[in-house]
Amino acid sequence: MNGHRLLIAASIIALTLLGYFHFPGHTWLQSDTQVYLPILERLWNPNALAKDLLAREPHVSFTVYDEVALLLQRLTGLEFRQVLAAEQLLFRALGILGVFLLVHALGLATRPALLATAWFSLGATIAGPAVLVFEYEPVPRGFAIPLLLLALGLAAHGRDVGAGVAAAAAFLYHPPSVYPFWVVYFC
């Protein structure tokens, strides 16, 4: 059984690293991080960007995105880029684990479930708003969606408390991403 879990863990780590460094990849200051970084910089140093309207009135006030980033920067001494990249890697891994759990719960054996998970981790788009399942940048939505995938996988295995915790954490990062999950979950 330990070899089985080791295979799953190694596969999830490998898929996370391949997805981050190769495909679909990651970016920095190409899109939404152009908005979030000034907010974080202003929260870190209230004298910075004092005339920037977006930085002065942050829209992340009621999420944990900024608090976790600030705490990790304070604890590690790393720049926001490295702190957010570490979070992005963690949440991608949790999302990939969630996909594996979901596919495995559908009845696939471990190896075919890992193959389906690898295929999914190449990148998928949520129809409608064109939201990526694995965002290129470390943004709140990019942390919440993988947590929702983990919640779905845990729920598929009957681990309702774990699913609730993962979905609650997703809600704390990006509430709009989680509303559809909670509607279905409570039904």
N, C-alpha and C. Protein backbone atom coordinates (compact mmCIF):
# COMPACT_ATOMS: atom_id res chain seq x y z
N MET A 1 0.81 -1.20 0.00
CA MET A 1 0.00 0.00 0.00
C MET A 1 0.86 1.27 0.00
N ASN A 2 2.00 1.26 0.71
CA ASN A 2 2.87 2.44 0.74
C ASN A 2 3.46 2.74 -0.63
N GLY A 3 3.82 1.70 -1.38
CA GLY A 3 4.32 1.91 -2.74
C GLY A 3 3.27 2.52 -3.64
N HIS A 4 2.03 2.13 -3.41
CA HIS A 4 0.89 2.67 -4.15
C HIS A 4 0.73 4.17 -3.89
N ARG A 5 0.79 4.55 -2.62
CA ARG A 5 0.67 5.97 -2.25
C ARG A 5 1.87 6.76 -2.72
N LEU A 6 3.04 6.15 -2.68
CA LEU A 6 4.25 6.82 -3.15
C LEU A 6 4.16 7.11 -4.65
N LEU A 7 3.63 6.16 -5.42
CA LEU A 7 3.43 6.36 -6.86
C LEU A 7 2.47 7.54 -7.10
N ILE A 8 1.40 7.59 -6.35
CA ILE A 8 0.42 8.67 -6.51
C ILE A 8 1.05 10.01 -6.13
N ALA A 9 1.75 10.06 -4.99
CA ALA A 9 2.38 11.31 -4.55
C ALA A 9 3.44 11.78 -5.55
N ALA A 10 4.28 10.86 -5.99
CA ALA A 10 5.33 11.22 -6.96
C ALA A 10 4.71 11.70 -8.27
N SER A 11 3.63 11.07 -8.70
CA SER A 11 2.96 11.48 -9.94
C SER A 11 2.37 12.87 -9.80
N ILE A 12 1.75 13.15 -8.67
CA ILE A 12 1.14 14.47 -8.46
C ILE A 12 2.21 15.55 -8.42
N ILE A 13 3.32 15.27 -7.73
CA ILE A 13 4.43 16.23 -7.69
C ILE A 13 5.00 16.45 -9.09
N ALA A 14 5.20 15.37 -9.84
CA ALA A 14 5.74 15.48 -11.20
C ALA A 14 4.79 16.27 -12.10
N LEU A 15 3.49 15.99 -12.03
CA LEU A 15 2.52 16.72 -12.84
C LEU A 15 2.47 18.20 -12.46
N THR A 16 2.58 18.47 -11.17
CA THR A 16 2.59 19.86 -10.71
C THR A 16 3.79 20.61 -11.28
N LEU A 17 4.97 20.02 -11.16
CA LEU A 17 6.18 20.67 -11.65
C LEU A 17 6.19 20.79 -13.17
N LEU A 18 5.77 19.73 -13.86
CA LEU A 18 5.69 19.81 -15.33
C LEU A 18 4.70 20.89 -15.76
N GLY A 19 3.56 20.94 -15.10
CA GLY A 19 2.56 21.95 -15.44
C GLY A 19 3.01 23.36 -15.14
N TYR A 20 3.78 23.52 -14.09
CA TYR A 20 4.25 24.86 -13.72
C TYR A 20 5.38 25.33 -14.62
N PHE A 21 6.35 24.45 -14.86
CA PHE A 21 7.54 24.87 -15.60
C PHE A 21 7.43 24.69 -17.11
N HIS A 22 6.51 23.84 -17.58
CA HIS A 22 6.44 23.58 -19.02
C HIS A 22 5.07 23.92 -19.61
N PHE A 23 4.08 23.10 -19.34
CA PHE A 23 2.77 23.34 -19.95
C PHE A 23 1.67 23.01 -18.97
N PRO A 24 0.74 23.86 -18.68
CA PRO A 24 0.46 25.15 -19.31
C PRO A 24 1.40 26.27 -18.90
N GLY A 25 2.20 26.10 -17.85
CA GLY A 25 3.20 27.09 -17.50
C GLY A 25 2.73 28.07 -16.46
N HIS A 26 3.51 29.14 -16.31
CA HIS A 26 3.19 30.19 -15.36
C HIS A 26 3.72 31.52 -15.91
N THR A 27 3.14 32.59 -15.45
CA THR A 27 3.61 33.92 -15.84
C THR A 27 3.63 34.81 -14.61
N TRP A 28 4.22 35.96 -14.76
CA TRP A 28 4.29 36.94 -13.68
C TRP A 28 4.19 38.32 -14.32
N LEU A 29 3.30 39.12 -13.79
CA LEU A 29 3.06 40.49 -14.26
C LEU A 29 2.66 40.56 -15.74
N GLN A 30 1.98 39.53 -16.20
CA GLN A 30 1.48 39.53 -17.57
C GLN A 30 0.00 39.88 -17.62
N SER A 31 -0.71 39.65 -16.55
CA SER A 31 -2.16 39.84 -16.54
C SER A 31 -2.60 40.37 -15.18
N ASP A 32 -3.33 39.56 -14.43
CA ASP A 32 -3.93 40.01 -13.17
C ASP A 32 -2.93 40.34 -12.08
N THR A 33 -1.75 39.78 -12.10
CA THR A 33 -0.78 40.12 -11.06
C THR A 33 -0.34 41.58 -11.17
N GLN A 34 -0.59 42.21 -12.32
CA GLN A 34 -0.32 43.64 -12.44
C GLN A 34 -1.25 44.44 -11.54
N VAL A 35 -2.38 43.87 -11.17
CA VAL A 35 -3.31 44.52 -10.25
C VAL A 35 -3.01 44.11 -8.82
N TYR A 36 -2.75 42.82 -8.60
CA TYR A 36 -2.59 42.32 -7.24
C TYR A 36 -1.26 42.71 -6.60
N LEU A 37 -0.18 42.77 -7.36
CA LEU A 37 1.11 43.11 -6.77
C LEU A 37 1.13 44.52 -6.17
N PRO A 38 0.64 45.55 -6.85
CA PRO A 38 0.61 46.87 -6.20
C PRO A 38 -0.23 46.89 -4.91
N ILE A 39 -1.31 46.12 -4.89
CA ILE A 39 -2.12 46.04 -3.68
C ILE A 39 -1.28 45.45 -2.54
N LEU A 40 -0.59 44.35 -2.83
CA LEU A 40 0.23 43.71 -1.81
C LEU A 40 1.38 44.61 -1.36
N GLU A 41 2.00 45.29 -2.31
CA GLU A 41 3.10 46.20 -1.97
C GLU A 41 2.62 47.33 -1.07
N ARG A 42 1.44 47.86 -1.35
CA ARG A 42 0.88 48.95 -0.52
C ARG A 42 0.51 48.44 0.86
N LEU A 43 -0.05 47.23 0.94
CA LEU A 43 -0.37 46.67 2.25
C LEU A 43 0.90 46.40 3.05
N TRP A 44 1.97 46.01 2.37
CA TRP A 44 3.25 45.74 3.04
C TRP A 44 3.88 47.05 3.53
N ASN A 45 3.81 48.08 2.68
CA ASN A 45 4.37 49.38 3.02
C ASN A 45 3.33 50.44 2.70
N PRO A 46 2.62 50.94 3.70
CA PRO A 46 1.55 51.91 3.46
C PRO A 46 1.99 53.20 2.76
N ASN A 47 3.29 53.49 2.75
CA ASN A 47 3.78 54.69 2.07
C ASN A 47 3.96 54.46 0.57
N ALA A 48 4.00 53.22 0.15
CA ALA A 48 4.21 52.91 -1.26
C ALA A 48 2.91 53.11 -2.04
N LEU A 49 3.03 53.61 -3.23
CA LEU A 49 1.91 53.75 -4.17
C LEU A 49 0.72 54.49 -3.55
N ALA A 50 1.00 55.54 -2.80
CA ALA A 50 -0.04 56.27 -2.08
C ALA A 50 -1.06 56.91 -3.00
N LYS A 51 -0.70 57.19 -4.24
CA LYS A 51 -1.64 57.84 -5.16
C LYS A 51 -2.29 56.87 -6.14
N ASP A 52 -1.95 55.61 -6.03
CA ASP A 52 -2.53 54.60 -6.93
C ASP A 52 -3.89 54.19 -6.39
N LEU A 53 -4.95 54.46 -7.17
CA LEU A 53 -6.31 54.21 -6.72
C LEU A 53 -6.56 52.74 -6.41
N LEU A 54 -6.09 51.84 -7.27
CA LEU A 54 -6.27 50.41 -7.03
C LEU A 54 -5.55 49.94 -5.78
N ALA A 55 -4.37 50.45 -5.55
CA ALA A 55 -3.60 50.03 -4.38
C ALA A 55 -4.16 50.64 -3.10
N ARG A 56 -4.72 51.84 -3.20
CA ARG A 56 -5.27 52.51 -2.01
C ARG A 56 -6.55 51.86 -1.52
N GLU A 57 -7.36 51.35 -2.43
CA GLU A 57 -8.65 50.74 -2.09
C GLU A 57 -8.66 49.28 -2.56
N PRO A 58 -7.96 48.41 -1.84
CA PRO A 58 -7.81 47.02 -2.31
C PRO A 58 -9.13 46.25 -2.28
N HIS A 59 -9.38 45.52 -3.34
CA HIS A 59 -10.58 44.70 -3.42
C HIS A 59 -10.37 43.31 -2.82
N VAL A 60 -9.23 43.08 -2.22
CA VAL A 60 -8.97 41.80 -1.56
C VAL A 60 -9.17 41.89 -0.06
N SER A 61 -9.76 42.98 0.39
CA SER A 61 -9.89 43.22 1.83
C SER A 61 -10.63 42.12 2.57
N PHE A 62 -11.59 41.48 1.94
CA PHE A 62 -12.39 40.48 2.63
C PHE A 62 -12.01 39.06 2.21
N THR A 63 -10.76 38.88 1.79
CA THR A 63 -10.25 37.55 1.44
C THR A 63 -8.98 37.30 2.25
N VAL A 64 -8.49 36.06 2.20
CA VAL A 64 -7.24 35.75 2.89
C VAL A 64 -6.04 35.82 1.95
N TYR A 65 -6.28 36.12 0.70
CA TYR A 65 -5.20 36.17 -0.29
C TYR A 65 -4.07 37.09 0.18
N ASP A 66 -4.43 38.30 0.55
CA ASP A 66 -3.41 39.27 0.95
C ASP A 66 -2.81 38.93 2.31
N GLU A 67 -3.64 38.49 3.26
CA GLU A 67 -3.11 38.17 4.59
C GLU A 67 -2.11 37.01 4.54
N VAL A 68 -2.42 35.98 3.77
CA VAL A 68 -1.52 34.84 3.67
C VAL A 68 -0.22 35.25 2.98
N ALA A 69 -0.32 36.03 1.91
CA ALA A 69 0.88 36.47 1.20
C ALA A 69 1.76 37.34 2.12
N LEU A 70 1.14 38.25 2.85
CA LEU A 70 1.90 39.10 3.77
C LEU A 70 2.54 38.28 4.89
N LEU A 71 1.79 37.32 5.43
CA LEU A 71 2.32 36.47 6.49
C LEU A 71 3.50 35.65 5.99
N LEU A 72 3.36 35.05 4.81
CA LEU A 72 4.45 34.24 4.26
C LEU A 72 5.67 35.09 3.95
N GLN A 73 5.45 36.30 3.48
CA GLN A 73 6.60 37.17 3.20
C GLN A 73 7.29 37.54 4.51
N ARG A 74 6.51 37.82 5.54
CA ARG A 74 7.08 38.17 6.83
C ARG A 74 7.86 36.99 7.42
N LEU A 75 7.29 35.78 7.31
CA LEU A 75 7.94 34.60 7.89
C LEU A 75 9.18 34.15 7.13
N THR A 76 9.14 34.27 5.81
CA THR A 76 10.24 33.74 4.99
C THR A 76 11.26 34.78 4.57
N GLY A 77 10.84 36.04 4.53
CA GLY A 77 11.74 37.08 4.04
C GLY A 77 11.85 37.10 2.52
N LEU A 78 11.06 36.27 1.84
CA LEU A 78 11.09 36.22 0.38
C LEU A 78 10.26 37.35 -0.22
N GLU A 79 10.47 37.62 -1.49
CA GLU A 79 9.68 38.60 -2.22
C GLU A 79 8.29 38.02 -2.51
N PHE A 80 7.36 38.90 -2.85
CA PHE A 80 6.00 38.44 -3.17
C PHE A 80 6.00 37.45 -4.32
N ARG A 81 6.87 37.65 -5.28
CA ARG A 81 6.91 36.73 -6.43
C ARG A 81 7.18 35.30 -5.98
N GLN A 82 8.15 35.10 -5.10
CA GLN A 82 8.49 33.76 -4.64
C GLN A 82 7.40 33.19 -3.72
N VAL A 83 6.86 34.02 -2.86
CA VAL A 83 5.81 33.58 -1.93
C VAL A 83 4.58 33.13 -2.71
N LEU A 84 4.16 33.94 -3.67
CA LEU A 84 2.98 33.61 -4.46
C LEU A 84 3.24 32.40 -5.36
N ALA A 85 4.45 32.26 -5.86
CA ALA A 85 4.78 31.08 -6.68
C ALA A 85 4.70 29.81 -5.84
N ALA A 86 5.17 29.87 -4.60
CA ALA A 86 5.08 28.70 -3.72
C ALA A 86 3.62 28.35 -3.45
N GLU A 87 2.80 29.36 -3.21
CA GLU A 87 1.37 29.10 -3.01
C GLU A 87 0.76 28.51 -4.28
N GLN A 88 1.14 29.06 -5.43
CA GLN A 88 0.60 28.56 -6.69
C GLN A 88 0.96 27.09 -6.90
N LEU A 89 2.18 26.71 -6.60
CA LEU A 89 2.59 25.31 -6.72
C LEU A 89 1.79 24.43 -5.76
N LEU A 90 1.62 24.88 -4.54
CA LEU A 90 0.86 24.10 -3.56
C LEU A 90 -0.58 23.90 -4.02
N PHE A 91 -1.22 24.97 -4.45
CA PHE A 91 -2.62 24.85 -4.84
C PHE A 91 -2.79 24.05 -6.12
N ARG A 92 -1.84 24.15 -7.04
CA ARG A 92 -1.90 23.31 -8.23
C ARG A 92 -1.80 21.83 -7.85
N ALA A 93 -0.91 21.53 -6.93
CA ALA A 93 -0.76 20.14 -6.48
C ALA A 93 -2.05 19.65 -5.82
N LEU A 94 -2.67 20.49 -5.00
CA LEU A 94 -3.93 20.10 -4.36
C LEU A 94 -5.04 19.91 -5.39
N GLY A 95 -5.05 20.75 -6.41
CA GLY A 95 -6.04 20.60 -7.48
C GLY A 95 -5.84 19.31 -8.26
N ILE A 96 -4.60 18.99 -8.55
CA ILE A 96 -4.29 17.75 -9.27
C ILE A 96 -4.66 16.55 -8.41
N LEU A 97 -4.39 16.62 -7.12
CA LEU A 97 -4.81 15.56 -6.21
C LEU A 97 -6.33 15.41 -6.24
N GLY A 98 -7.03 16.54 -6.23
CA GLY A 98 -8.49 16.50 -6.29
C GLY A 98 -9.00 15.85 -7.56
N VAL A 99 -8.38 16.15 -8.67
CA VAL A 99 -8.78 15.52 -9.94
C VAL A 99 -8.53 14.02 -9.88
N PHE A 100 -7.37 13.63 -9.36
CA PHE A 100 -7.09 12.20 -9.23
C PHE A 100 -8.14 11.52 -8.35
N LEU A 101 -8.45 12.11 -7.21
CA LEU A 101 -9.46 11.52 -6.32
C LEU A 101 -10.81 11.41 -7.01
N LEU A 102 -11.16 12.41 -7.77
CA LEU A 102 -12.45 12.41 -8.48
C LEU A 102 -12.48 11.31 -9.53
N VAL A 103 -11.45 11.22 -10.34
CA VAL A 103 -11.38 10.20 -11.39
C VAL A 103 -11.31 8.80 -10.79
N HIS A 104 -10.54 8.66 -9.73
CA HIS A 104 -10.42 7.37 -9.06
C HIS A 104 -11.77 6.94 -8.46
N ALA A 105 -12.53 7.90 -7.94
CA ALA A 105 -13.85 7.59 -7.38
C ALA A 105 -14.83 7.13 -8.45
N LEU A 106 -14.56 7.48 -9.69
CA LEU A 106 -15.42 7.04 -10.80
C LEU A 106 -15.17 5.59 -11.19
N GLY A 107 -14.18 4.97 -10.56
CA GLY A 107 -13.96 3.55 -10.79
C GLY A 107 -12.70 3.20 -11.55
N LEU A 108 -11.93 4.17 -11.98
CA LEU A 108 -10.68 3.85 -12.67
C LEU A 108 -9.64 3.36 -11.69
N ALA A 109 -8.85 2.39 -12.10
CA ALA A 109 -7.72 1.93 -11.29
C ALA A 109 -6.68 3.04 -11.21
N THR A 110 -5.70 2.86 -10.38
CA THR A 110 -4.74 3.93 -10.11
C THR A 110 -4.03 4.43 -11.35
N ARG A 111 -3.45 3.55 -12.13
CA ARG A 111 -2.67 4.01 -13.30
C ARG A 111 -3.54 4.71 -14.35
N PRO A 112 -4.70 4.17 -14.73
CA PRO A 112 -5.56 4.91 -15.65
C PRO A 112 -6.06 6.24 -15.05
N ALA A 113 -6.30 6.25 -13.73
CA ALA A 113 -6.72 7.49 -13.08
C ALA A 113 -5.61 8.53 -13.13
N LEU A 114 -4.36 8.08 -12.96
CA LEU A 114 -3.24 9.01 -13.08
C LEU A 114 -3.08 9.52 -14.51
N LEU A 115 -3.32 8.66 -15.48
CA LEU A 115 -3.27 9.08 -16.89
C LEU A 115 -4.35 10.13 -17.18
N ALA A 116 -5.56 9.90 -16.70
CA ALA A 116 -6.64 10.87 -16.89
C ALA A 116 -6.31 12.17 -16.18
N THR A 117 -5.72 12.08 -15.00
CA THR A 117 -5.32 13.27 -14.26
C THR A 117 -4.24 14.04 -15.01
N ALA A 118 -3.28 13.33 -15.58
CA ALA A 118 -2.23 13.98 -16.36
C ALA A 118 -2.81 14.71 -17.56
N TRP A 119 -3.75 14.07 -18.22
CA TRP A 119 -4.39 14.69 -19.38
C TRP A 119 -5.13 15.96 -18.96
N PHE A 120 -5.86 15.88 -17.86
CA PHE A 120 -6.60 17.04 -17.35
C PHE A 120 -5.64 18.15 -16.94
N SER A 121 -4.50 17.80 -16.35
CA SER A 121 -3.59 18.82 -15.84
C SER A 121 -2.87 19.58 -16.96
N LEU A 122 -3.05 19.15 -18.20
CA LEU A 122 -2.50 19.93 -19.31
C LEU A 122 -3.18 21.28 -19.43
N GLY A 123 -4.33 21.39 -18.80
CA GLY A 123 -5.05 22.66 -18.80
C GLY A 123 -6.45 22.48 -19.32
N ALA A 124 -7.37 23.04 -18.62
CA ALA A 124 -8.77 23.01 -19.01
C ALA A 124 -9.35 24.39 -18.78
N THR A 125 -10.39 24.69 -19.49
CA THR A 125 -11.07 25.97 -19.35
C THR A 125 -12.48 25.73 -18.88
N ILE A 126 -12.93 26.54 -17.95
CA ILE A 126 -14.30 26.47 -17.49
C ILE A 126 -15.14 27.28 -18.47
N ALA A 127 -16.08 26.62 -19.12
CA ALA A 127 -16.89 27.27 -20.15
C ALA A 127 -17.68 28.44 -19.56
N GLY A 128 -17.95 29.40 -20.37
CA GLY A 128 -18.70 30.57 -19.94
C GLY A 128 -17.76 31.73 -19.70
N PRO A 129 -17.23 31.85 -18.47
CA PRO A 129 -16.37 33.00 -18.19
C PRO A 129 -14.94 32.85 -18.68
N ALA A 130 -14.63 31.73 -19.32
CA ALA A 130 -13.28 31.45 -19.82
C ALA A 130 -12.25 31.51 -18.70
N VAL A 131 -12.55 30.87 -17.60
CA VAL A 131 -11.64 30.77 -16.47
C VAL A 131 -10.80 29.51 -16.65
N LEU A 132 -9.51 29.65 -16.46
CA LEU A 132 -8.62 28.50 -16.54
C LEU A 132 -8.68 27.72 -15.24
N VAL A 133 -8.62 26.41 -15.33
CA VAL A 133 -8.59 25.58 -14.13
C VAL A 133 -7.25 25.78 -13.41
N PHE A 134 -6.17 25.80 -14.16
CA PHE A 134 -4.87 26.08 -13.60
C PHE A 134 -4.39 27.41 -14.19
N GLU A 135 -4.57 28.46 -13.41
CA GLU A 135 -4.22 29.80 -13.86
C GLU A 135 -2.72 29.92 -14.09
N TYR A 136 -2.34 30.79 -15.02
CA TYR A 136 -0.93 31.03 -15.29
C TYR A 136 -0.29 31.86 -14.19
N GLU A 137 -1.08 32.72 -13.57
CA GLU A 137 -0.55 33.63 -12.57
C GLU A 137 -1.09 33.29 -11.18
N PRO A 138 -0.35 33.64 -10.14
CA PRO A 138 -0.78 33.35 -8.76
C PRO A 138 -1.81 34.37 -8.27
N VAL A 139 -3.03 34.17 -8.65
CA VAL A 139 -4.12 35.08 -8.30
C VAL A 139 -5.15 34.33 -7.46
N PRO A 140 -6.02 35.05 -6.74
CA PRO A 140 -6.98 34.38 -5.85
C PRO A 140 -7.83 33.31 -6.54
N ARG A 141 -8.32 33.59 -7.71
CA ARG A 141 -9.12 32.60 -8.45
C ARG A 141 -8.30 31.36 -8.76
N GLY A 142 -7.02 31.56 -9.05
CA GLY A 142 -6.12 30.46 -9.34
C GLY A 142 -5.81 29.61 -8.12
N PHE A 143 -6.09 30.11 -6.94
CA PHE A 143 -5.93 29.34 -5.72
C PHE A 143 -7.26 28.67 -5.34
N ALA A 144 -8.37 29.34 -5.62
CA ALA A 144 -9.68 28.83 -5.22
C ALA A 144 -10.13 27.65 -6.08
N ILE A 145 -9.94 27.71 -7.38
CA ILE A 145 -10.41 26.64 -8.27
C ILE A 145 -9.73 25.30 -7.94
N PRO A 146 -8.40 25.25 -7.76
CA PRO A 146 -7.81 23.97 -7.36
C PRO A 146 -8.33 23.46 -6.01
N LEU A 147 -8.60 24.37 -5.08
CA LEU A 147 -9.18 23.94 -3.81
C LEU A 147 -10.57 23.34 -4.02
N LEU A 148 -11.31 23.88 -4.97
CA LEU A 148 -12.62 23.30 -5.29
C LEU A 148 -12.47 21.91 -5.90
N LEU A 149 -11.47 21.74 -6.74
CA LEU A 149 -11.21 20.41 -7.30
C LEU A 149 -10.89 19.41 -6.19
N LEU A 150 -10.10 19.86 -5.22
CA LEU A 150 -9.80 19.01 -4.08
C LEU A 150 -11.08 18.69 -3.31
N ALA A 151 -11.93 19.69 -3.11
CA ALA A 151 -13.20 19.47 -2.41
C ALA A 151 -14.06 18.45 -3.15
N LEU A 152 -14.12 18.56 -4.46
CA LEU A 152 -14.91 17.59 -5.24
C LEU A 152 -14.35 16.18 -5.10
N GLY A 153 -13.03 16.06 -5.18
CA GLY A 153 -12.41 14.75 -5.04
C GLY A 153 -12.64 14.15 -3.66
N LEU A 154 -12.53 14.97 -2.63
CA LEU A 154 -12.77 14.49 -1.27
C LEU A 154 -14.23 14.10 -1.09
N ALA A 155 -15.13 14.90 -1.62
CA ALA A 155 -16.56 14.59 -1.51
C ALA A 155 -16.89 13.29 -2.25
N ALA A 156 -16.24 13.07 -3.38
CA ALA A 156 -16.48 11.84 -4.15
C ALA A 156 -16.05 10.60 -3.37
N HIS A 157 -15.13 10.78 -2.43
CA HIS A 157 -14.67 9.66 -1.60
C HIS A 157 -15.37 9.65 -0.23
N GLY A 158 -16.43 10.46 -0.09
CA GLY A 158 -17.19 10.47 1.16
C GLY A 158 -16.52 11.20 2.30
N ARG A 159 -15.52 11.99 2.01
CA ARG A 159 -14.82 12.76 3.05
C ARG A 159 -15.42 14.17 3.08
N ASP A 160 -16.63 14.23 3.62
CA ASP A 160 -17.40 15.48 3.59
C ASP A 160 -16.78 16.60 4.41
N VAL A 161 -16.21 16.28 5.55
CA VAL A 161 -15.59 17.32 6.37
C VAL A 161 -14.39 17.92 5.63
N GLY A 162 -13.54 17.06 5.08
CA GLY A 162 -12.39 17.55 4.30
C GLY A 162 -12.84 18.37 3.10
N ALA A 163 -13.91 17.91 2.44
CA ALA A 163 -14.44 18.65 1.30
C ALA A 163 -14.95 20.02 1.74
N GLY A 164 -15.61 20.05 2.87
CA GLY A 164 -16.11 21.33 3.40
C GLY A 164 -14.99 22.28 3.76
N VAL A 165 -13.92 21.75 4.35
CA VAL A 165 -12.77 22.58 4.71
C VAL A 165 -12.11 23.14 3.45
N ALA A 166 -11.91 22.29 2.44
CA ALA A 166 -11.28 22.75 1.20
C ALA A 166 -12.15 23.80 0.50
N ALA A 167 -13.46 23.57 0.46
CA ALA A 167 -14.36 24.54 -0.18
C ALA A 167 -14.42 25.83 0.62
N ALA A 168 -14.38 25.75 1.95
CA ALA A 168 -14.37 26.95 2.77
C ALA A 168 -13.10 27.76 2.55
N ALA A 169 -11.96 27.06 2.43
CA ALA A 169 -10.70 27.74 2.15
C ALA A 169 -10.77 28.41 0.77
N ALA A 170 -11.36 27.73 -0.20
CA ALA A 170 -11.54 28.33 -1.53
C ALA A 170 -12.39 29.59 -1.44
N PHE A 171 -13.45 29.52 -0.65
CA PHE A 171 -14.32 30.68 -0.46
C PHE A 171 -13.55 31.85 0.14
N LEU A 172 -12.66 31.57 1.07
CA LEU A 172 -11.88 32.63 1.70
C LEU A 172 -10.90 33.28 0.71
N TYR A 173 -10.47 32.53 -0.29
CA TYR A 173 -9.58 33.09 -1.30
C TYR A 173 -10.33 33.85 -2.39
N HIS A 174 -11.46 33.31 -2.87
CA HIS A 174 -12.16 33.95 -3.98
C HIS A 174 -13.63 33.53 -3.97
N PRO A 175 -14.47 34.23 -3.21
CA PRO A 175 -15.87 33.83 -3.06
C PRO A 175 -16.64 33.60 -4.37
N PRO A 176 -16.51 34.45 -5.39
CA PRO A 176 -17.31 34.21 -6.61
C PRO A 176 -17.04 32.86 -7.28
N SER A 177 -15.86 32.33 -7.12
CA SER A 177 -15.54 31.03 -7.73
C SER A 177 -16.27 29.88 -7.05
N VAL A 178 -16.72 30.09 -5.84
CA VAL A 178 -17.21 28.99 -5.01
C VAL A 178 -18.74 28.92 -4.96
N TYR A 179 -19.42 29.96 -5.33
CA TYR A 179 -20.89 29.97 -5.23
C TYR A 179 -21.54 28.76 -5.90
N PRO A 180 -21.17 28.41 -7.14
CA PRO A 180 -21.82 27.25 -7.77
C PRO A 180 -21.58 25.95 -6.99
N PHE A 181 -20.39 25.79 -6.44
CA PHE A 181 -20.10 24.58 -5.67
C PHE A 181 -21.02 24.48 -4.46
N TRP A 182 -21.17 25.58 -3.72
CA TRP A 182 -21.99 25.52 -2.51
C TRP A 182 -23.45 25.26 -2.83
N VAL A 183 -23.94 25.79 -3.94
CA VAL A 183 -25.35 25.53 -4.32
C VAL A 183 -25.55 24.03 -4.53
N VAL A 184 -24.66 23.41 -5.30
CA VAL A 184 -24.77 21.98 -5.57
C VAL A 184 -24.51 21.16 -4.30
N TYR A 185 -23.52 21.54 -3.53
CA TYR A 185 -23.14 20.79 -2.33
C TYR A 185 -24.29 20.74 -1.32
N PHE A 186 -24.96 21.88 -1.13
CA PHE A 186 -26.05 21.90 -0.14
C PHE A 186 -27.32 21.22 -0.65
N CYS A 187 -27.45 21.10 -1.96
CA CYS A 187 -28.62 20.35 -2.50
C CYS A 187 -28.44 18.88 -2.27
